[in-house]
C-alpha cells in the first residue's frame, strides 16, 4: 500500500509522535525538528503531498520557512497547513498571505486535524460512528 507522504516540521517531539500516531495507517509522516533541516532536505527532493509547519520554532520560524517554500518552483504548489499556539490575527493573516492553505491553533483536536489534512489532500474522510 502506497501511503501519501506528509512532512511535519515541529520542534516538539511529543507533538510529532502524536501526529504520527494519528496518521500511522493513512499517511507516511516524516518529521523534522527544525525548519532549517527541512529546507535543506527539500532542496534535494520535494516529494511531499502536504507540509504541516509549526510557526513558533527556534532558529528559523515557520513563516520564514513558508516564504522560502513558496518562492521555490519545486515546492510552491505543495499545500501547507500552519500550526501555531499564537492565534493572533496578524500572525494568521501573514501566514495565509505567504501562501499557506490553512492553519490550526494548538492544542489541536486530532479529529479536526484529520479532517483538515484530508481536505487539503483532496480526500474524503470516512468516519465510522459508534
N, C-alpha and C. Protein backbone atom coordinates (compact mmCIF):
# COMPACT_ATOMS: atom_id res chain seq x y z
N UNK A 1 0.84 -1.18 0.00
CA UNK A 1 0.00 0.00 0.00
C UNK A 1 0.88 1.24 0.00
N UNK A 2 0.65 2.13 -0.94
CA UNK A 2 1.43 3.35 -1.04
C UNK A 2 0.75 4.47 -0.25
N UNK A 3 1.39 4.93 0.81
CA UNK A 3 0.83 5.99 1.62
C UNK A 3 1.35 7.34 1.13
N UNK A 4 0.47 8.35 1.12
CA UNK A 4 0.90 9.68 0.72
C UNK A 4 1.88 10.23 1.75
N UNK A 5 2.97 10.84 1.28
CA UNK A 5 3.96 11.38 2.21
C UNK A 5 3.60 12.79 2.70
N UNK A 6 3.73 12.98 4.00
CA UNK A 6 3.50 14.27 4.64
C UNK A 6 4.75 14.65 5.41
N UNK A 7 5.13 15.92 5.32
CA UNK A 7 6.24 16.44 6.12
C UNK A 7 5.65 17.19 7.30
N UNK A 8 6.14 16.89 8.50
CA UNK A 8 5.74 17.61 9.70
C UNK A 8 6.98 18.30 10.26
N UNK A 9 6.93 19.62 10.29
CA UNK A 9 8.07 20.40 10.78
C UNK A 9 7.63 21.03 12.10
N UNK A 10 8.14 20.49 13.21
CA UNK A 10 7.74 20.95 14.54
C UNK A 10 8.83 20.56 15.53
N UNK A 11 9.18 21.46 16.44
CA UNK A 11 10.26 21.20 17.38
C UNK A 11 9.81 20.43 18.62
N UNK A 12 8.54 20.07 18.71
CA UNK A 12 8.03 19.32 19.86
C UNK A 12 7.97 17.83 19.53
N UNK A 13 8.86 17.05 20.14
CA UNK A 13 8.88 15.60 19.91
C UNK A 13 7.56 14.93 20.29
N UNK A 14 6.96 15.28 21.45
CA UNK A 14 5.67 14.65 21.79
C UNK A 14 4.58 14.97 20.76
N UNK A 15 4.57 16.18 20.25
CA UNK A 15 3.57 16.54 19.25
C UNK A 15 3.80 15.74 17.96
N UNK A 16 5.04 15.62 17.54
CA UNK A 16 5.37 14.84 16.34
C UNK A 16 4.92 13.39 16.49
N UNK A 17 5.15 12.82 17.67
CA UNK A 17 4.73 11.45 17.94
C UNK A 17 3.21 11.33 17.85
N UNK A 18 2.49 12.28 18.42
CA UNK A 18 1.03 12.28 18.36
C UNK A 18 0.54 12.30 16.92
N UNK A 19 1.09 13.17 16.10
CA UNK A 19 0.66 13.29 14.70
C UNK A 19 0.98 12.00 13.94
N UNK A 20 2.14 11.43 14.19
CA UNK A 20 2.49 10.15 13.53
C UNK A 20 1.48 9.06 13.91
N UNK A 21 1.07 9.05 15.18
CA UNK A 21 0.09 8.06 15.63
C UNK A 21 -1.27 8.29 14.99
N UNK A 22 -1.69 9.55 14.87
CA UNK A 22 -2.98 9.86 14.27
C UNK A 22 -3.03 9.34 12.84
N UNK A 23 -1.94 9.48 12.11
CA UNK A 23 -1.93 9.17 10.68
C UNK A 23 -1.22 7.87 10.32
N UNK A 24 -0.84 7.04 11.30
CA UNK A 24 0.02 5.90 11.03
C UNK A 24 -0.50 4.94 9.96
N UNK A 25 -1.79 4.76 9.86
CA UNK A 25 -2.34 3.84 8.86
C UNK A 25 -2.72 4.53 7.56
N UNK A 26 -2.64 5.84 7.54
CA UNK A 26 -3.18 6.59 6.40
C UNK A 26 -2.12 7.31 5.57
N UNK A 27 -1.10 7.85 6.24
CA UNK A 27 -0.05 8.62 5.56
C UNK A 27 1.31 8.23 6.09
N UNK A 28 2.32 8.51 5.29
CA UNK A 28 3.71 8.36 5.73
C UNK A 28 4.16 9.74 6.22
N UNK A 29 4.38 9.86 7.53
CA UNK A 29 4.72 11.16 8.11
C UNK A 29 6.21 11.18 8.45
N UNK A 30 6.94 12.11 7.82
CA UNK A 30 8.35 12.34 8.14
C UNK A 30 8.41 13.60 9.00
N UNK A 31 9.17 13.54 10.08
CA UNK A 31 9.24 14.69 10.99
C UNK A 31 10.61 15.36 10.91
N UNK A 32 10.58 16.66 11.11
CA UNK A 32 11.78 17.50 11.12
C UNK A 32 11.68 18.42 12.32
N UNK A 33 12.75 18.49 13.12
CA UNK A 33 12.73 19.28 14.35
C UNK A 33 12.99 20.77 14.09
N UNK A 34 13.59 21.08 12.93
CA UNK A 34 13.85 22.49 12.62
C UNK A 34 13.49 22.77 11.16
N UNK A 35 13.14 24.02 10.92
CA UNK A 35 12.84 24.44 9.56
C UNK A 35 14.08 24.37 8.68
N UNK A 36 15.24 24.64 9.26
CA UNK A 36 16.49 24.59 8.50
C UNK A 36 16.76 23.17 8.01
N UNK A 37 16.59 22.16 8.88
CA UNK A 37 16.78 20.76 8.47
C UNK A 37 15.82 20.40 7.34
N UNK A 38 14.58 20.83 7.49
CA UNK A 38 13.57 20.52 6.48
C UNK A 38 13.90 21.16 5.14
N UNK A 39 14.25 22.44 5.14
CA UNK A 39 14.56 23.14 3.89
C UNK A 39 15.80 22.57 3.22
N UNK A 40 16.77 22.14 4.01
CA UNK A 40 17.97 21.51 3.45
C UNK A 40 17.58 20.23 2.71
N UNK A 41 16.71 19.42 3.33
CA UNK A 41 16.26 18.19 2.69
C UNK A 41 15.41 18.51 1.44
N UNK A 42 14.55 19.51 1.53
CA UNK A 42 13.67 19.85 0.41
C UNK A 42 14.45 20.37 -0.79
N UNK A 43 15.64 20.90 -0.56
CA UNK A 43 16.45 21.38 -1.68
C UNK A 43 16.94 20.21 -2.53
N UNK A 44 16.93 19.01 -1.94
CA UNK A 44 17.38 17.81 -2.67
C UNK A 44 16.22 17.03 -3.28
N UNK A 45 15.10 16.98 -2.57
CA UNK A 45 13.95 16.20 -3.05
C UNK A 45 12.66 16.79 -2.50
N UNK A 46 11.71 17.08 -3.37
CA UNK A 46 10.43 17.63 -2.92
C UNK A 46 9.34 16.61 -3.22
N UNK A 47 9.20 15.65 -2.34
CA UNK A 47 8.32 14.52 -2.60
C UNK A 47 7.04 14.54 -1.79
N UNK A 48 6.78 15.61 -1.05
CA UNK A 48 5.65 15.60 -0.13
C UNK A 48 4.35 16.06 -0.78
N UNK A 49 3.25 15.42 -0.35
CA UNK A 49 1.91 15.78 -0.80
C UNK A 49 1.36 16.93 0.05
N UNK A 50 1.92 17.09 1.27
CA UNK A 50 1.46 18.12 2.21
C UNK A 50 2.58 18.43 3.17
N UNK A 51 2.65 19.70 3.58
CA UNK A 51 3.60 20.14 4.60
C UNK A 51 2.80 20.71 5.77
N UNK A 52 3.04 20.17 6.96
CA UNK A 52 2.45 20.71 8.19
C UNK A 52 3.58 21.43 8.91
N UNK A 53 3.41 22.72 9.12
CA UNK A 53 4.52 23.58 9.55
C UNK A 53 4.16 24.36 10.81
N UNK A 54 4.91 24.12 11.88
CA UNK A 54 4.75 24.89 13.11
C UNK A 54 5.31 26.29 12.86
N UNK A 55 4.68 27.30 13.43
CA UNK A 55 5.18 28.67 13.25
C UNK A 55 6.28 28.98 14.25
N UNK A 56 6.06 28.64 15.52
CA UNK A 56 7.00 29.03 16.58
C UNK A 56 8.04 27.94 16.81
N UNK A 57 9.22 28.16 16.21
CA UNK A 57 10.33 27.22 16.38
C UNK A 57 11.60 28.01 16.60
N UNK A 58 12.59 27.40 17.28
CA UNK A 58 13.87 28.09 17.45
C UNK A 58 14.58 28.22 16.11
N UNK A 59 15.43 29.22 16.01
CA UNK A 59 16.12 29.46 14.73
C UNK A 59 15.13 30.04 13.74
N UNK A 60 15.06 29.44 12.55
CA UNK A 60 14.13 29.91 11.52
C UNK A 60 12.70 29.53 11.92
N UNK A 61 11.80 30.52 11.93
CA UNK A 61 10.42 30.18 12.27
C UNK A 61 9.66 29.68 11.04
N UNK A 62 8.45 29.19 11.29
CA UNK A 62 7.66 28.59 10.23
C UNK A 62 7.25 29.56 9.14
N UNK A 63 7.04 30.82 9.48
CA UNK A 63 6.65 31.80 8.46
C UNK A 63 7.80 32.08 7.50
N UNK A 64 9.01 32.15 8.03
CA UNK A 64 10.18 32.35 7.16
C UNK A 64 10.38 31.13 6.26
N UNK A 65 10.19 29.94 6.82
CA UNK A 65 10.31 28.71 6.03
C UNK A 65 9.23 28.67 4.95
N UNK A 66 8.01 29.06 5.30
CA UNK A 66 6.91 29.08 4.33
C UNK A 66 7.23 30.03 3.18
N UNK A 67 7.78 31.18 3.50
CA UNK A 67 8.14 32.15 2.46
C UNK A 67 9.15 31.54 1.48
N UNK A 68 10.14 30.83 2.02
CA UNK A 68 11.14 30.19 1.16
C UNK A 68 10.51 29.08 0.31
N UNK A 69 9.62 28.29 0.90
CA UNK A 69 8.96 27.21 0.17
C UNK A 69 8.13 27.75 -0.99
N UNK A 70 7.42 28.84 -0.76
CA UNK A 70 6.52 29.38 -1.78
C UNK A 70 7.27 30.15 -2.87
N UNK A 71 8.53 30.51 -2.61
CA UNK A 71 9.35 31.18 -3.63
C UNK A 71 10.01 30.18 -4.58
N UNK A 72 10.09 28.91 -4.15
CA UNK A 72 10.77 27.91 -4.96
C UNK A 72 9.78 27.22 -5.90
N UNK A 73 10.09 27.19 -7.21
CA UNK A 73 9.21 26.49 -8.16
C UNK A 73 9.00 25.02 -7.81
N UNK A 74 9.97 24.39 -7.17
CA UNK A 74 9.88 22.96 -6.84
C UNK A 74 8.90 22.68 -5.70
N UNK A 75 8.66 23.68 -4.83
CA UNK A 75 7.83 23.43 -3.65
C UNK A 75 6.61 24.35 -3.53
N UNK A 76 6.48 25.33 -4.40
CA UNK A 76 5.41 26.32 -4.21
C UNK A 76 4.01 25.73 -4.31
N UNK A 77 3.84 24.63 -5.04
CA UNK A 77 2.49 24.08 -5.21
C UNK A 77 2.11 23.04 -4.14
N UNK A 78 3.02 22.75 -3.22
CA UNK A 78 2.71 21.78 -2.16
C UNK A 78 1.83 22.48 -1.11
N UNK A 79 0.64 21.94 -0.83
CA UNK A 79 -0.22 22.56 0.18
C UNK A 79 0.46 22.60 1.54
N UNK A 80 0.22 23.69 2.27
CA UNK A 80 0.84 23.87 3.57
C UNK A 80 -0.21 24.20 4.62
N UNK A 81 -0.14 23.48 5.74
CA UNK A 81 -1.00 23.72 6.89
C UNK A 81 -0.13 24.26 8.01
N UNK A 82 -0.43 25.46 8.47
CA UNK A 82 0.33 26.06 9.57
C UNK A 82 -0.28 25.65 10.90
N UNK A 83 0.58 25.39 11.87
CA UNK A 83 0.16 25.12 13.24
C UNK A 83 0.77 26.19 14.12
N UNK A 84 -0.01 26.69 15.06
CA UNK A 84 0.54 27.70 15.94
C UNK A 84 -0.18 27.75 17.27
N UNK A 85 0.56 28.08 18.30
CA UNK A 85 -0.05 28.37 19.59
C UNK A 85 -0.39 29.86 19.63
N UNK A 86 0.07 30.60 18.62
CA UNK A 86 -0.13 32.04 18.52
C UNK A 86 -1.31 32.31 17.58
N UNK A 87 -2.47 32.53 18.15
CA UNK A 87 -3.68 32.71 17.34
C UNK A 87 -3.97 34.19 17.04
N UNK A 88 -2.95 35.05 17.22
CA UNK A 88 -3.17 36.45 16.91
C UNK A 88 -3.51 36.61 15.43
N UNK A 89 -4.46 37.45 15.18
CA UNK A 89 -4.98 37.63 13.82
C UNK A 89 -3.87 38.00 12.83
N UNK A 90 -2.96 38.89 13.23
CA UNK A 90 -1.91 39.32 12.30
C UNK A 90 -0.97 38.17 11.92
N UNK A 91 -0.70 37.25 12.85
CA UNK A 91 0.15 36.10 12.56
C UNK A 91 -0.53 35.19 11.55
N UNK A 92 -1.80 34.91 11.78
CA UNK A 92 -2.56 34.04 10.89
C UNK A 92 -2.67 34.66 9.49
N UNK A 93 -2.99 35.95 9.44
CA UNK A 93 -3.12 36.65 8.14
C UNK A 93 -1.79 36.63 7.40
N UNK A 94 -0.70 36.87 8.11
CA UNK A 94 0.62 36.85 7.46
C UNK A 94 0.90 35.48 6.86
N UNK A 95 0.59 34.42 7.60
CA UNK A 95 0.81 33.07 7.09
C UNK A 95 -0.02 32.78 5.86
N UNK A 96 -1.26 33.21 5.84
CA UNK A 96 -2.13 32.98 4.69
C UNK A 96 -1.65 33.81 3.48
N UNK A 97 -1.20 35.03 3.73
CA UNK A 97 -0.68 35.87 2.63
C UNK A 97 0.60 35.29 2.04
N UNK A 98 1.37 34.59 2.87
CA UNK A 98 2.60 33.97 2.38
C UNK A 98 2.33 32.71 1.57
N UNK A 99 1.08 32.22 1.62
CA UNK A 99 0.74 31.08 0.77
C UNK A 99 0.25 29.83 1.46
N UNK A 100 0.07 29.87 2.78
CA UNK A 100 -0.48 28.69 3.47
C UNK A 100 -1.92 28.49 3.03
N UNK A 101 -2.33 27.24 2.92
CA UNK A 101 -3.71 26.95 2.53
C UNK A 101 -4.65 26.93 3.73
N UNK A 102 -4.11 26.66 4.93
CA UNK A 102 -4.95 26.56 6.11
C UNK A 102 -4.06 26.72 7.34
N UNK A 103 -4.71 26.86 8.50
CA UNK A 103 -3.97 26.91 9.75
C UNK A 103 -4.83 26.30 10.85
N UNK A 104 -4.16 25.85 11.89
CA UNK A 104 -4.82 25.34 13.09
C UNK A 104 -4.10 25.89 14.30
N UNK A 105 -4.87 26.13 15.37
CA UNK A 105 -4.31 26.62 16.62
C UNK A 105 -4.08 25.44 17.55
N UNK A 106 -2.89 25.41 18.16
CA UNK A 106 -2.57 24.37 19.14
C UNK A 106 -3.17 24.76 20.49
N UNK A 107 -3.58 23.83 21.32
CA UNK A 107 -3.53 22.40 21.09
C UNK A 107 -4.59 21.98 20.05
N UNK A 108 -4.24 21.00 19.26
CA UNK A 108 -5.13 20.59 18.17
C UNK A 108 -6.09 19.50 18.63
N UNK A 109 -7.21 19.42 17.95
CA UNK A 109 -8.15 18.33 18.12
C UNK A 109 -7.78 17.31 17.03
N UNK A 110 -7.41 16.07 17.41
CA UNK A 110 -6.97 15.09 16.42
C UNK A 110 -7.98 14.88 15.28
N UNK A 111 -9.27 14.84 15.59
CA UNK A 111 -10.28 14.64 14.55
C UNK A 111 -10.31 15.82 13.59
N UNK A 112 -10.16 17.02 14.11
CA UNK A 112 -10.14 18.21 13.26
C UNK A 112 -8.89 18.21 12.38
N UNK A 113 -7.76 17.78 12.93
CA UNK A 113 -6.53 17.69 12.12
C UNK A 113 -6.72 16.68 10.99
N UNK A 114 -7.30 15.53 11.29
CA UNK A 114 -7.55 14.54 10.25
C UNK A 114 -8.42 15.12 9.13
N UNK A 115 -9.45 15.85 9.51
CA UNK A 115 -10.37 16.43 8.54
C UNK A 115 -9.66 17.47 7.67
N UNK A 116 -8.89 18.36 8.29
CA UNK A 116 -8.16 19.40 7.54
C UNK A 116 -7.17 18.79 6.57
N UNK A 117 -6.44 17.79 7.01
CA UNK A 117 -5.45 17.13 6.15
C UNK A 117 -6.15 16.45 4.98
N UNK A 118 -7.25 15.76 5.25
CA UNK A 118 -7.99 15.09 4.17
C UNK A 118 -8.46 16.11 3.13
N UNK A 119 -8.98 17.23 3.58
CA UNK A 119 -9.45 18.28 2.66
C UNK A 119 -8.29 18.82 1.83
N UNK A 120 -7.17 19.11 2.47
CA UNK A 120 -6.01 19.65 1.75
C UNK A 120 -5.45 18.67 0.73
N UNK A 121 -5.63 17.38 0.98
CA UNK A 121 -5.15 16.36 0.05
C UNK A 121 -6.24 15.93 -0.93
N UNK A 122 -7.39 16.59 -0.87
CA UNK A 122 -8.47 16.29 -1.82
C UNK A 122 -9.11 14.94 -1.58
N UNK A 123 -9.13 14.52 -0.32
CA UNK A 123 -9.69 13.23 0.03
C UNK A 123 -10.97 13.41 0.83
N UNK A 124 -11.73 12.33 0.93
CA UNK A 124 -12.91 12.31 1.77
C UNK A 124 -12.58 11.47 2.99
N UNK A 125 -12.89 12.01 4.15
CA UNK A 125 -12.62 11.28 5.38
C UNK A 125 -13.86 10.48 5.74
N UNK A 126 -13.71 9.17 5.75
CA UNK A 126 -14.83 8.29 6.08
C UNK A 126 -14.76 7.97 7.56
N UNK A 127 -15.79 8.31 8.28
CA UNK A 127 -15.83 8.05 9.72
C UNK A 127 -16.85 6.97 10.01
N UNK A 128 -16.49 6.10 10.90
CA UNK A 128 -17.42 5.08 11.38
C UNK A 128 -17.93 5.57 12.72
N UNK A 129 -19.21 5.84 12.78
CA UNK A 129 -19.81 6.34 14.02
C UNK A 129 -20.11 5.17 14.95
N UNK A 130 -19.89 5.37 16.24
CA UNK A 130 -20.18 4.32 17.24
C UNK A 130 -21.66 4.23 17.50
